[in-house]
Structure formats: C-alpha cells, structure tokens
Amino acid sequence: MHNNKGQLDCPLIICYTESMNLMNSKKFGLIIEGIVKEKKITYLDAVVKYCDENEIDTATVGPLINKQLKEKIQREAEKLNLVEKSSTAVLPI
C-alpha cells in the first residue's frame, strides 16, 4: 500500500498484517519446499531464512505451518537430536 510517491500509506503493523493475510499455509508450505530444494537446507532453516529475508518475526509464522511441514520439521529435529523422538511404541503383549 503505497501512495503516489512510493511511500507507505498505512502504519507498518497494518501493512504487515495485511500482507500476512495474503499468505496461507499451503502457499507458505510450497515456498518453504522450494527453498529446501533450491538451497539444500533443512526445513527449519528454510523457515528461518524466509522469515529473515522477508523481515518477518519467526514467532508469527506458526499458523502458516501446515501439518505436513510440521511433520517434516519434527522428523528433521529428531534426526538431528534437537528433540526427543516421538513415541509410537506399542506395549509388549
């Protein structure tokens, strides 16, 4: 939202909120997938990179992380021993 002089017409927080509303979890997931494939980095690193490049606070993108992306980040974190492996164990009979 720029005026005819190329300056922002609205307060920064409103513009930021409006631009985030244009993003949905599917689109965000596709962007992150693209970064992972292009840069050959982890999903978590791709999320951080995207946020850094777009001046977005990483704490605000949680709602944009869909189930599939969350599972991929979880698996990578487990593989890197950043979190404990999720337990899907079955009690012995």
N, C-alpha and C. Protein backbone atom coordinates (compact mmCIF):
# COMPACT_ATOMS: atom_id res chain seq x y z
N MET A 1 0.82 -1.17 0.00
CA MET A 1 0.00 0.00 0.00
C MET A 1 0.88 1.24 0.00
N HIS A 2 1.14 1.72 -1.17
CA HIS A 2 2.00 2.89 -1.32
C HIS A 2 1.19 4.03 -1.92
N ASN A 3 1.59 5.24 -1.55
CA ASN A 3 0.96 6.40 -2.17
C ASN A 3 1.68 6.69 -3.49
N ASN A 4 1.31 7.75 -4.15
CA ASN A 4 1.90 8.04 -5.45
C ASN A 4 3.37 8.43 -5.38
N LYS A 5 3.91 8.62 -4.18
CA LYS A 5 5.32 8.94 -4.00
C LYS A 5 6.13 7.69 -3.63
N GLY A 6 5.47 6.54 -3.62
CA GLY A 6 6.15 5.30 -3.30
C GLY A 6 6.33 5.07 -1.81
N GLN A 7 5.68 5.89 -0.99
CA GLN A 7 5.79 5.75 0.46
C GLN A 7 4.62 4.95 0.99
N LEU A 8 4.84 4.34 2.14
CA LEU A 8 3.77 3.57 2.75
C LEU A 8 2.61 4.47 3.14
N ASP A 9 1.42 4.03 2.80
CA ASP A 9 0.20 4.76 3.09
C ASP A 9 -0.38 4.43 4.45
N CYS A 10 0.06 3.35 5.02
CA CYS A 10 -0.54 2.87 6.26
C CYS A 10 0.54 2.61 7.29
N PRO A 11 0.15 2.53 8.55
CA PRO A 11 1.13 2.18 9.58
C PRO A 11 1.73 0.82 9.27
N LEU A 12 2.97 0.63 9.62
CA LEU A 12 3.70 -0.60 9.31
C LEU A 12 2.98 -1.85 9.81
N ILE A 13 2.46 -1.83 11.01
CA ILE A 13 1.82 -3.02 11.56
C ILE A 13 0.60 -3.43 10.75
N ILE A 14 -0.15 -2.47 10.23
CA ILE A 14 -1.33 -2.79 9.42
C ILE A 14 -0.89 -3.38 8.09
N CYS A 15 0.11 -2.81 7.46
CA CYS A 15 0.61 -3.34 6.19
C CYS A 15 1.15 -4.75 6.39
N TYR A 16 1.89 -4.97 7.47
CA TYR A 16 2.43 -6.29 7.77
C TYR A 16 1.30 -7.28 7.94
N THR A 17 0.28 -6.92 8.69
CA THR A 17 -0.85 -7.81 8.93
C THR A 17 -1.57 -8.12 7.62
N GLU A 18 -1.77 -7.14 6.78
CA GLU A 18 -2.45 -7.36 5.52
C GLU A 18 -1.63 -8.27 4.60
N SER A 19 -0.32 -8.11 4.57
CA SER A 19 0.50 -8.96 3.72
C SER A 19 0.51 -10.39 4.24
N MET A 20 0.46 -10.58 5.55
CA MET A 20 0.42 -11.92 6.13
C MET A 20 -0.92 -12.58 5.82
N ASN A 21 -2.00 -11.80 5.73
CA ASN A 21 -3.30 -12.36 5.42
C ASN A 21 -3.35 -12.91 4.00
N LEU A 22 -2.50 -12.41 3.11
CA LEU A 22 -2.47 -12.90 1.75
C LEU A 22 -1.80 -14.27 1.67
N MET A 23 -1.08 -14.64 2.69
CA MET A 23 -0.37 -15.91 2.73
C MET A 23 -1.25 -16.93 3.45
N ASN A 24 -1.31 -18.14 2.91
CA ASN A 24 -1.99 -19.21 3.62
C ASN A 24 -0.99 -20.35 3.83
N SER A 25 -1.39 -21.36 4.60
CA SER A 25 -0.45 -22.41 4.96
C SER A 25 -0.01 -23.22 3.74
N LYS A 26 -0.88 -23.38 2.76
CA LYS A 26 -0.50 -24.13 1.55
C LYS A 26 0.58 -23.37 0.78
N LYS A 27 0.35 -22.09 0.57
CA LYS A 27 1.32 -21.27 -0.16
C LYS A 27 2.64 -21.20 0.60
N PHE A 28 2.56 -21.01 1.91
CA PHE A 28 3.77 -20.94 2.73
C PHE A 28 4.55 -22.26 2.63
N GLY A 29 3.83 -23.39 2.71
CA GLY A 29 4.48 -24.70 2.60
C GLY A 29 5.19 -24.88 1.28
N LEU A 30 4.56 -24.43 0.19
CA LEU A 30 5.18 -24.54 -1.13
C LEU A 30 6.43 -23.67 -1.25
N ILE A 31 6.37 -22.50 -0.66
CA ILE A 31 7.54 -21.61 -0.66
C ILE A 31 8.70 -22.26 0.09
N ILE A 32 8.40 -22.82 1.27
CA ILE A 32 9.43 -23.46 2.08
C ILE A 32 9.99 -24.68 1.36
N GLU A 33 9.13 -25.48 0.74
CA GLU A 33 9.58 -26.65 -0.05
C GLU A 33 10.56 -26.19 -1.14
N GLY A 34 10.24 -25.11 -1.81
CA GLY A 34 11.10 -24.58 -2.86
C GLY A 34 12.46 -24.17 -2.33
N ILE A 35 12.48 -23.52 -1.18
CA ILE A 35 13.74 -23.09 -0.58
C ILE A 35 14.57 -24.31 -0.19
N VAL A 36 13.93 -25.32 0.39
CA VAL A 36 14.64 -26.55 0.81
C VAL A 36 15.30 -27.20 -0.41
N LYS A 37 14.56 -27.32 -1.50
CA LYS A 37 15.10 -27.97 -2.70
C LYS A 37 16.18 -27.13 -3.37
N GLU A 38 15.96 -25.83 -3.44
CA GLU A 38 16.91 -24.96 -4.12
C GLU A 38 18.21 -24.80 -3.33
N LYS A 39 18.09 -24.58 -2.03
CA LYS A 39 19.27 -24.29 -1.21
C LYS A 39 19.86 -25.53 -0.54
N LYS A 40 19.10 -26.65 -0.60
CA LYS A 40 19.53 -27.90 0.04
C LYS A 40 19.82 -27.69 1.53
N ILE A 41 18.82 -27.09 2.20
CA ILE A 41 18.91 -26.85 3.64
C ILE A 41 17.73 -27.53 4.32
N THR A 42 17.73 -27.55 5.65
CA THR A 42 16.64 -28.18 6.38
C THR A 42 15.39 -27.32 6.30
N TYR A 43 14.27 -27.94 6.64
CA TYR A 43 13.00 -27.21 6.63
C TYR A 43 13.02 -26.09 7.67
N LEU A 44 13.56 -26.37 8.83
CA LEU A 44 13.62 -25.35 9.87
C LEU A 44 14.48 -24.18 9.41
N ASP A 45 15.63 -24.48 8.81
CA ASP A 45 16.48 -23.41 8.29
C ASP A 45 15.78 -22.63 7.18
N ALA A 46 15.00 -23.32 6.36
CA ALA A 46 14.28 -22.66 5.28
C ALA A 46 13.24 -21.68 5.84
N VAL A 47 12.54 -22.08 6.90
CA VAL A 47 11.56 -21.19 7.52
C VAL A 47 12.26 -19.95 8.07
N VAL A 48 13.37 -20.16 8.76
CA VAL A 48 14.11 -19.04 9.34
C VAL A 48 14.64 -18.13 8.22
N LYS A 49 15.18 -18.74 7.17
CA LYS A 49 15.70 -17.96 6.04
C LYS A 49 14.60 -17.11 5.40
N TYR A 50 13.45 -17.73 5.16
CA TYR A 50 12.34 -17.00 4.57
C TYR A 50 11.93 -15.81 5.46
N CYS A 51 11.84 -16.08 6.75
CA CYS A 51 11.45 -15.01 7.69
C CYS A 51 12.49 -13.89 7.70
N ASP A 52 13.76 -14.25 7.73
CA ASP A 52 14.82 -13.24 7.72
C ASP A 52 14.76 -12.39 6.46
N GLU A 53 14.63 -13.04 5.32
CA GLU A 53 14.63 -12.32 4.04
C GLU A 53 13.40 -11.42 3.88
N ASN A 54 12.31 -11.78 4.55
CA ASN A 54 11.08 -11.00 4.43
C ASN A 54 10.76 -10.18 5.67
N GLU A 55 11.75 -10.08 6.57
CA GLU A 55 11.62 -9.29 7.79
C GLU A 55 10.36 -9.65 8.57
N ILE A 56 10.17 -10.96 8.76
CA ILE A 56 9.03 -11.49 9.49
C ILE A 56 9.53 -12.11 10.78
N ASP A 57 8.88 -11.82 11.88
CA ASP A 57 9.23 -12.42 13.15
C ASP A 57 8.87 -13.91 13.10
N THR A 58 9.83 -14.78 13.36
CA THR A 58 9.58 -16.22 13.28
C THR A 58 8.46 -16.66 14.23
N ALA A 59 8.23 -15.92 15.28
CA ALA A 59 7.18 -16.27 16.24
C ALA A 59 5.78 -16.10 15.64
N THR A 60 5.67 -15.42 14.52
CA THR A 60 4.35 -15.15 13.95
C THR A 60 3.95 -16.12 12.85
N VAL A 61 4.84 -17.01 12.41
CA VAL A 61 4.52 -17.89 11.29
C VAL A 61 3.94 -19.24 11.70
N GLY A 62 3.79 -19.48 12.98
CA GLY A 62 3.23 -20.75 13.45
C GLY A 62 1.94 -21.15 12.76
N PRO A 63 0.97 -20.24 12.64
CA PRO A 63 -0.28 -20.60 11.97
C PRO A 63 -0.12 -20.95 10.49
N LEU A 64 1.00 -20.58 9.88
CA LEU A 64 1.22 -20.87 8.48
C LEU A 64 1.89 -22.23 8.25
N ILE A 65 2.31 -22.86 9.32
CA ILE A 65 2.99 -24.15 9.19
C ILE A 65 1.94 -25.26 9.23
N ASN A 66 1.70 -25.86 8.06
CA ASN A 66 0.68 -26.89 7.96
C ASN A 66 1.17 -28.23 8.53
N LYS A 67 0.30 -29.20 8.58
CA LYS A 67 0.61 -30.49 9.20
C LYS A 67 1.80 -31.17 8.54
N GLN A 68 1.84 -31.17 7.22
CA GLN A 68 2.94 -31.83 6.51
C GLN A 68 4.28 -31.17 6.80
N LEU A 69 4.29 -29.86 6.79
CA LEU A 69 5.53 -29.13 7.06
C LEU A 69 5.97 -29.36 8.51
N LYS A 70 5.01 -29.35 9.42
CA LYS A 70 5.30 -29.60 10.83
C LYS A 70 5.92 -30.99 11.02
N GLU A 71 5.37 -31.99 10.33
CA GLU A 71 5.90 -33.35 10.44
C GLU A 71 7.33 -33.43 9.90
N LYS A 72 7.60 -32.74 8.80
CA LYS A 72 8.95 -32.75 8.23
C LYS A 72 9.94 -32.08 9.16
N ILE A 73 9.54 -30.97 9.76
CA ILE A 73 10.41 -30.28 10.72
C ILE A 73 10.65 -31.18 11.92
N GLN A 74 9.60 -31.86 12.40
CA GLN A 74 9.71 -32.76 13.54
C GLN A 74 10.70 -33.89 13.24
N ARG A 75 10.57 -34.53 12.07
CA ARG A 75 11.48 -35.63 11.69
C ARG A 75 12.92 -35.16 11.61
N GLU A 76 13.13 -33.99 11.01
CA GLU A 76 14.50 -33.46 10.91
C GLU A 76 15.06 -33.16 12.29
N ALA A 77 14.25 -32.58 13.15
CA ALA A 77 14.71 -32.25 14.51
C ALA A 77 15.05 -33.53 15.28
N GLU A 78 14.25 -34.57 15.11
CA GLU A 78 14.55 -35.85 15.76
C GLU A 78 15.85 -36.44 15.22
N LYS A 79 16.02 -36.39 13.91
CA LYS A 79 17.22 -36.93 13.26
C LYS A 79 18.48 -36.21 13.74
N LEU A 80 18.35 -34.91 13.98
CA LEU A 80 19.48 -34.09 14.44
C LEU A 80 19.60 -34.06 15.97
N ASN A 81 18.76 -34.86 16.63
CA ASN A 81 18.73 -34.93 18.10
C ASN A 81 18.46 -33.57 18.74
N LEU A 82 17.65 -32.75 18.08
CA LEU A 82 17.26 -31.47 18.65
C LEU A 82 16.07 -31.64 19.58
N VAL A 83 15.28 -32.68 19.33
CA VAL A 83 14.15 -33.03 20.20
C VAL A 83 14.16 -34.55 20.37
N GLU A 84 13.49 -35.01 21.42
CA GLU A 84 13.39 -36.45 21.63
C GLU A 84 12.49 -37.04 20.56
N LYS A 85 12.81 -38.27 20.17
CA LYS A 85 11.99 -38.95 19.18
C LYS A 85 10.59 -39.17 19.73
N SER A 86 9.60 -38.94 18.87
CA SER A 86 8.23 -39.13 19.30
C SER A 86 7.98 -40.62 19.49
N SER A 87 7.22 -40.92 20.50
CA SER A 87 7.00 -42.31 20.84
C SER A 87 5.73 -42.82 20.18
N THR A 88 5.90 -43.84 19.37
CA THR A 88 4.76 -44.53 18.79
C THR A 88 4.83 -46.00 19.20
N ALA A 89 5.50 -46.21 20.31
CA ALA A 89 5.72 -47.59 20.79
C ALA A 89 4.41 -48.22 21.23
N VAL A 90 4.36 -49.53 21.07
CA VAL A 90 3.22 -50.31 21.48
C VAL A 90 3.65 -51.15 22.68
N LEU A 91 2.79 -51.23 23.67
CA LEU A 91 3.13 -52.04 24.83
C LEU A 91 3.27 -53.51 24.42
N PRO A 92 4.32 -54.17 24.94
CA PRO A 92 4.50 -55.60 24.60
C PRO A 92 3.39 -56.44 25.19
N ILE A 93 2.96 -57.43 24.44
CA ILE A 93 1.89 -58.30 24.92
C ILE A 93 2.42 -59.68 25.19
